[in-house]
Amino acid sequence: MQEIGDYSLLFPMLVWTDWEFTGDKKFLRECLPTISAMLDAFAAKWQRPDGLLETVDELWNMVDWPENLRDGYDFPLTRPRVGAGAHNVLNALWYGALTMEERICRVLNLSVGNRSQQVREAFLRAFYHPAQRLFADSESSNHCSLHANLYTACFGLLPDESWDA
């Protein structure tokens, strides 16, 4: 299996980074249909009513490689099929990809939805543990791995009070 969900969801960030370095709106315009189609495909197949992705079992959910560098990430990432339910890293990347699509639309002066807001709210409800001021690996876990908290910081999902944690 070579289809890696994490990598697909990183594509909009790579396009945005290119824009930051080059200011090339033509490239943004060329990539946007692919980004939107990819996000729509993820939503159609794996998005649940609250906006989060769950049981993305047709793609490899990598989190990190090799496996022993996942900081004990508490969600079954078995191949070829991952476990049932929603987990943090893929959903943090989902949120990040949606926000990048929205940023690209704003730069191109295109009407932009706000799909990311629903995902943000659901993400906080599902994964944030206020007592620890950290994010758990999955909805059913109390384990707060490095990976579950790095992407949340990267995409601005951290509540103000959790930065020092």
C-alpha atoms as a PDB file:
ATOM      1  CA  MET A   1       0.000   0.000   0.000  1.00  0.00           C
ATOM      2  CA  GLN A   2       1.556   3.274  -1.083  1.00  0.00           C
ATOM      3  CA  GLU A   3      -1.386   5.632  -0.674  1.00  0.00           C
ATOM      4  CA  ILE A   4      -0.587   7.564   2.492  1.00  0.00           C
ATOM      5  CA  GLY A   5      -3.402   9.716   3.867  1.00  0.00           C
ATOM      6  CA  ASP A   6      -1.007  11.905   5.845  1.00  0.00           C
ATOM      7  CA  TYR A   7       0.942  12.810   2.701  1.00  0.00           C
ATOM      8  CA  SER A   8      -2.169  13.587   0.674  1.00  0.00           C
ATOM      9  CA  LEU A   9      -3.312  16.004   3.368  1.00  0.00           C
ATOM     10  CA  LEU A  10       0.105  17.687   3.396  1.00  0.00           C
ATOM     11  CA  PHE A  11      -0.200  18.658  -0.287  1.00  0.00           C
ATOM     12  CA  PRO A  12      -2.156  21.898   0.333  1.00  0.00           C
ATOM     13  CA  MET A  13       0.537  23.003   2.793  1.00  0.00           C
ATOM     14  CA  LEU A  14       3.245  22.396   0.212  1.00  0.00           C
ATOM     15  CA  VAL A  15       1.325  24.506  -2.306  1.00  0.00           C
ATOM     16  CA  TRP A  16       0.874  27.256   0.298  1.00  0.00           C
ATOM     17  CA  THR A  17       4.598  27.165   1.159  1.00  0.00           C
ATOM     18  CA  ASP A  18       5.438  27.553  -2.530  1.00  0.00           C
ATOM     19  CA  TRP A  19       3.147  30.604  -2.606  1.00  0.00           C
ATOM     20  CA  GLU A  20       4.909  32.076   0.434  1.00  0.00           C
ATOM     21  CA  PHE A  21       8.287  31.742  -1.293  1.00  0.00           C
ATOM     22  CA  THR A  22       7.304  32.698  -4.844  1.00  0.00           C
ATOM     23  CA  GLY A  23       4.071  34.676  -4.743  1.00  0.00           C
ATOM     24  CA  ASP A  24       3.051  32.727  -7.856  1.00  0.00           C
ATOM     25  CA  LYS A  25      -0.741  33.057  -8.047  1.00  0.00           C
ATOM     26  CA  LYS A  26      -0.845  31.117 -11.304  1.00  0.00           C
ATOM     27  CA  PHE A  27       0.545  28.075  -9.521  1.00  0.00           C
ATOM     28  CA  LEU A  28      -2.038  28.493  -6.726  1.00  0.00           C
ATOM     29  CA  ARG A  29      -4.809  28.718  -9.321  1.00  0.00           C
ATOM     30  CA  GLU A  30      -3.528  25.589 -11.096  1.00  0.00           C
ATOM     31  CA  CYS A  31      -3.323  23.552  -7.869  1.00  0.00           C
ATOM     32  CA  LEU A  32      -6.589  24.635  -6.276  1.00  0.00           C
ATOM     33  CA  PRO A  33      -8.880  22.295  -8.289  1.00  0.00           C
ATOM     34  CA  THR A  34      -6.732  19.304  -7.277  1.00  0.00           C
ATOM     35  CA  ILE A  35      -6.711  20.375  -3.632  1.00  0.00           C
ATOM     36  CA  SER A  36     -10.465  20.913  -3.585  1.00  0.00           C
ATOM     37  CA  ALA A  37     -11.173  17.605  -5.333  1.00  0.00           C
ATOM     38  CA  MET A  38      -8.909  15.734  -2.917  1.00  0.00           C
ATOM     39  CA  LEU A  39     -10.571  17.319   0.126  1.00  0.00           C
ATOM     40  CA  ASP A  40     -14.019  16.634  -1.303  1.00  0.00           C
ATOM     41  CA  ALA A  41     -13.044  12.986  -1.857  1.00  0.00           C
ATOM     42  CA  PHE A  42     -11.840  12.637   1.740  1.00  0.00           C
ATOM     43  CA  ALA A  43     -15.053  14.269   2.994  1.00  0.00           C
ATOM     44  CA  ALA A  44     -17.305  12.094   0.850  1.00  0.00           C
ATOM     45  CA  LYS A  45     -15.643   8.891   1.971  1.00  0.00           C
ATOM     46  CA  TRP A  46     -14.617   9.420   5.604  1.00  0.00           C
ATOM     47  CA  GLN A  47     -16.099  12.599   7.087  1.00  0.00           C
ATOM     48  CA  ARG A  48     -18.621  12.092   9.834  1.00  0.00           C
ATOM     49  CA  PRO A  49     -21.379  14.615  10.713  1.00  0.00           C
ATOM     50  CA  ASP A  50     -19.234  16.584  13.194  1.00  0.00           C
ATOM     51  CA  GLY A  51     -16.599  17.187  10.503  1.00  0.00           C
ATOM     52  CA  LEU A  52     -13.851  14.828  11.665  1.00  0.00           C
ATOM     53  CA  LEU A  53     -12.513  11.978   9.568  1.00  0.00           C
ATOM     54  CA  GLU A  54     -12.913   8.462  10.885  1.00  0.00           C
ATOM     55  CA  THR A  55     -11.789   4.985   9.899  1.00  0.00           C
ATOM     56  CA  VAL A  56      -9.670   6.107   6.961  1.00  0.00           C
ATOM     57  CA  ASP A  57      -8.950   2.467   6.335  1.00  0.00           C
ATOM     58  CA  GLU A  58      -8.243   2.469   2.618  1.00  0.00           C
ATOM     59  CA  LEU A  59      -5.115   4.570   3.103  1.00  0.00           C
ATOM     60  CA  TRP A  60      -2.020   4.060   5.182  1.00  0.00           C
ATOM     61  CA  ASN A  61      -2.178   6.353   8.226  1.00  0.00           C
ATOM     62  CA  MET A  62       1.515   6.720   8.881  1.00  0.00           C
ATOM     63  CA  VAL A  63       1.844   9.259  11.767  1.00  0.00           C
ATOM     64  CA  ASP A  64       5.616   8.620  11.763  1.00  0.00           C
ATOM     65  CA  TRP A  65       8.097   6.109  10.443  1.00  0.00           C
ATOM     66  CA  PRO A  66       9.567   3.884  11.639  1.00  0.00           C
ATOM     67  CA  GLU A  67       6.822   2.761  13.971  1.00  0.00           C
ATOM     68  CA  ASN A  68       9.022   2.905  17.067  1.00  0.00           C
ATOM     69  CA  LEU A  69       9.299   6.694  16.654  1.00  0.00           C
ATOM     70  CA  ARG A  70       5.575   7.298  17.200  1.00  0.00           C
ATOM     71  CA  ASP A  71       5.982   8.070  20.923  1.00  0.00           C
ATOM     72  CA  GLY A  72       3.524   5.314  21.822  1.00  0.00           C
ATOM     73  CA  TYR A  73       0.771   6.803  19.636  1.00  0.00           C
ATOM     74  CA  ASP A  74      -2.394   5.200  20.963  1.00  0.00           C
ATOM     75  CA  PHE A  75      -4.433   4.282  17.899  1.00  0.00           C
ATOM     76  CA  PRO A  76      -4.230   1.080  15.849  1.00  0.00           C
ATOM     77  CA  LEU A  77      -2.360   1.977  12.654  1.00  0.00           C
ATOM     78  CA  THR A  78      -2.151  -1.578  11.394  1.00  0.00           C
ATOM     79  CA  ARG A  79      -1.718  -2.276   7.708  1.00  0.00           C
ATOM     80  CA  PRO A  80      -3.388  -2.707   5.422  1.00  0.00           C
ATOM     81  CA  ARG A  81      -6.341  -1.438   7.504  1.00  0.00           C
ATOM     82  CA  VAL A  82      -6.243   1.006  10.389  1.00  0.00           C
ATOM     83  CA  GLY A  83      -8.539   0.729  13.386  1.00  0.00           C
ATOM     84  CA  ALA A  84     -12.050   2.105  13.535  1.00  0.00           C
ATOM     85  CA  GLY A  85     -12.657   5.608  14.825  1.00  0.00           C
ATOM     86  CA  ALA A  86     -11.041   9.021  14.665  1.00  0.00           C
ATOM     87  CA  HIS A  87      -7.450   9.754  15.580  1.00  0.00           C
ATOM     88  CA  ASN A  88      -5.634  12.992  16.191  1.00  0.00           C
ATOM     89  CA  VAL A  89      -2.845  13.222  13.606  1.00  0.00           C
ATOM     90  CA  LEU A  90      -4.942  12.525  10.534  1.00  0.00           C
ATOM     91  CA  ASN A  91      -7.595  14.966  11.765  1.00  0.00           C
ATOM     92  CA  ALA A  92      -5.045  17.665  12.579  1.00  0.00           C
ATOM     93  CA  LEU A  93      -3.738  17.290   9.019  1.00  0.00           C
ATOM     94  CA  TRP A  94      -7.343  17.370   7.741  1.00  0.00           C
ATOM     95  CA  TYR A  95      -7.918  20.648   9.590  1.00  0.00           C
ATOM     96  CA  GLY A  96      -4.632  22.044   8.267  1.00  0.00           C
ATOM     97  CA  ALA A  97      -5.479  21.076   4.687  1.00  0.00           C
ATOM     98  CA  LEU A  98      -8.894  22.724   4.939  1.00  0.00           C
ATOM     99  CA  THR A  99      -7.391  25.946   6.308  1.00  0.00           C
ATOM    100  CA  MET A 100      -4.826  26.014   3.496  1.00  0.00           C
ATOM    101  CA  GLU A 101      -7.585  25.647   0.894  1.00  0.00           C
ATOM    102  CA  GLU A 102      -9.390  28.578   2.517  1.00  0.00           C
ATOM    103  CA  ARG A 103      -6.209  30.702   2.536  1.00  0.00           C
ATOM    104  CA  ILE A 104      -5.568  29.943  -1.131  1.00  0.00           C
ATOM    105  CA  CYS A 105      -9.131  30.942  -2.028  1.00  0.00           C
ATOM    106  CA  ARG A 106      -8.716  34.245  -0.172  1.00  0.00           C
ATOM    107  CA  VAL A 107      -5.441  35.016  -1.986  1.00  0.00           C
ATOM    108  CA  LEU A 108      -7.166  34.298  -5.303  1.00  0.00           C
ATOM    109  CA  ASN A 109     -10.190  36.426  -4.300  1.00  0.00           C
ATOM    110  CA  LEU A 110     -12.494  33.432  -4.662  1.00  0.00           C
ATOM    111  CA  SER A 111     -15.512  32.743  -2.511  1.00  0.00           C
ATOM    112  CA  VAL A 112     -14.351  30.642   0.368  1.00  0.00           C
ATOM    113  CA  GLY A 113     -16.271  28.383   2.655  1.00  0.00           C
ATOM    114  CA  ASN A 114     -15.406  27.792   6.264  1.00  0.00           C
ATOM    115  CA  ARG A 115     -15.296  24.011   6.495  1.00  0.00           C
ATOM    116  CA  SER A 116     -12.363  24.268   8.872  1.00  0.00           C
ATOM    117  CA  GLN A 117     -14.349  25.925  11.685  1.00  0.00           C
ATOM    118  CA  GLN A 118     -16.618  22.914  12.216  1.00  0.00           C
ATOM    119  CA  VAL A 119     -13.587  20.613  12.150  1.00  0.00           C
ATOM    120  CA  ARG A 120     -11.742  22.821  14.654  1.00  0.00           C
ATOM    121  CA  GLU A 121     -14.632  22.704  17.126  1.00  0.00           C
ATOM    122  CA  ALA A 122     -15.052  18.938  16.756  1.00  0.00           C
ATOM    123  CA  PHE A 123     -11.292  18.416  17.053  1.00  0.00           C
ATOM    124  CA  LEU A 124     -11.142  20.295  20.348  1.00  0.00           C
ATOM    125  CA  ARG A 125     -14.120  18.344  21.719  1.00  0.00           C
ATOM    126  CA  ALA A 126     -12.695  14.999  20.634  1.00  0.00           C
ATOM    127  CA  PHE A 127      -9.024  15.263  21.520  1.00  0.00           C
ATOM    128  CA  TYR A 128      -8.317  18.114  23.956  1.00  0.00           C
ATOM    129  CA  HIS A 129      -7.832  17.178  27.619  1.00  0.00           C
ATOM    130  CA  PRO A 130      -8.140  20.415  29.618  1.00  0.00           C
ATOM    131  CA  ALA A 131      -6.730  18.949  32.838  1.00  0.00           C
ATOM    132  CA  GLN A 132      -3.503  18.023  31.045  1.00  0.00           C
ATOM    133  CA  ARG A 133      -3.692  20.984  28.635  1.00  0.00           C
ATOM    134  CA  LEU A 134      -2.670  18.514  25.914  1.00  0.00           C
ATOM    135  CA  PHE A 135      -4.259  16.626  23.048  1.00  0.00           C
ATOM    136  CA  ALA A 136      -4.798  12.877  23.184  1.00  0.00           C
ATOM    137  CA  ASP A 137      -3.960  10.500  20.360  1.00  0.00           C
ATOM    138  CA  SER A 138      -7.562   9.368  19.852  1.00  0.00           C
ATOM    139  CA  GLU A 139     -11.028   9.929  21.220  1.00  0.00           C
ATOM    140  CA  SER A 140     -10.734   6.900  23.481  1.00  0.00           C
ATOM    141  CA  SER A 141      -7.187   7.524  24.688  1.00  0.00           C
ATOM    142  CA  ASN A 142      -5.640   9.458  27.546  1.00  0.00           C
ATOM    143  CA  HIS A 143      -2.174   9.186  25.978  1.00  0.00           C
ATOM    144  CA  CYS A 144      -0.851  12.514  24.696  1.00  0.00           C
ATOM    145  CA  SER A 145       1.974  11.813  22.279  1.00  0.00           C
ATOM    146  CA  LEU A 146       4.401  14.300  20.821  1.00  0.00           C
ATOM    147  CA  HIS A 147       2.790  13.842  17.398  1.00  0.00           C
ATOM    148  CA  ALA A 148      -0.712  14.558  18.700  1.00  0.00           C
ATOM    149  CA  ASN A 149       0.519  17.890  20.014  1.00  0.00           C
ATOM    150  CA  LEU A 150       2.975  19.037  17.335  1.00  0.00           C
ATOM    151  CA  TYR A 151       0.423  19.250  14.537  1.00  0.00           C
ATOM    152  CA  THR A 152      -2.045  21.007  16.811  1.00  0.00           C
ATOM    153  CA  ALA A 153       0.591  23.662  17.519  1.00  0.00           C
ATOM    154  CA  CYS A 154       1.541  23.877  13.837  1.00  0.00           C
ATOM    155  CA  PHE A 155      -2.034  24.575  12.757  1.00  0.00           C
ATOM    156  CA  GLY A 156      -3.008  26.895  15.596  1.00  0.00           C
ATOM    157  CA  LEU A 157      -5.367  24.473  17.323  1.00  0.00           C
ATOM    158  CA  LEU A 158      -3.859  25.008  20.780  1.00  0.00           C
ATOM    159  CA  PRO A 159      -5.899  26.920  23.326  1.00  0.00           C
ATOM    160  CA  ASP A 160      -3.878  29.783  24.802  1.00  0.00           C
ATOM    161  CA  GLU A 161      -3.524  28.061  28.168  1.00  0.00           C
ATOM    162  CA  SER A 162      -1.898  24.970  26.677  1.00  0.00           C
ATOM    163  CA  TRP A 163       1.201  26.478  25.047  1.00  0.00           C
ATOM    164  CA  ASP A 164       3.479  25.903  28.030  1.00  0.00           C
ATOM    165  CA  ALA A 165       2.252  22.317  28.455  1.00  0.00           C
END
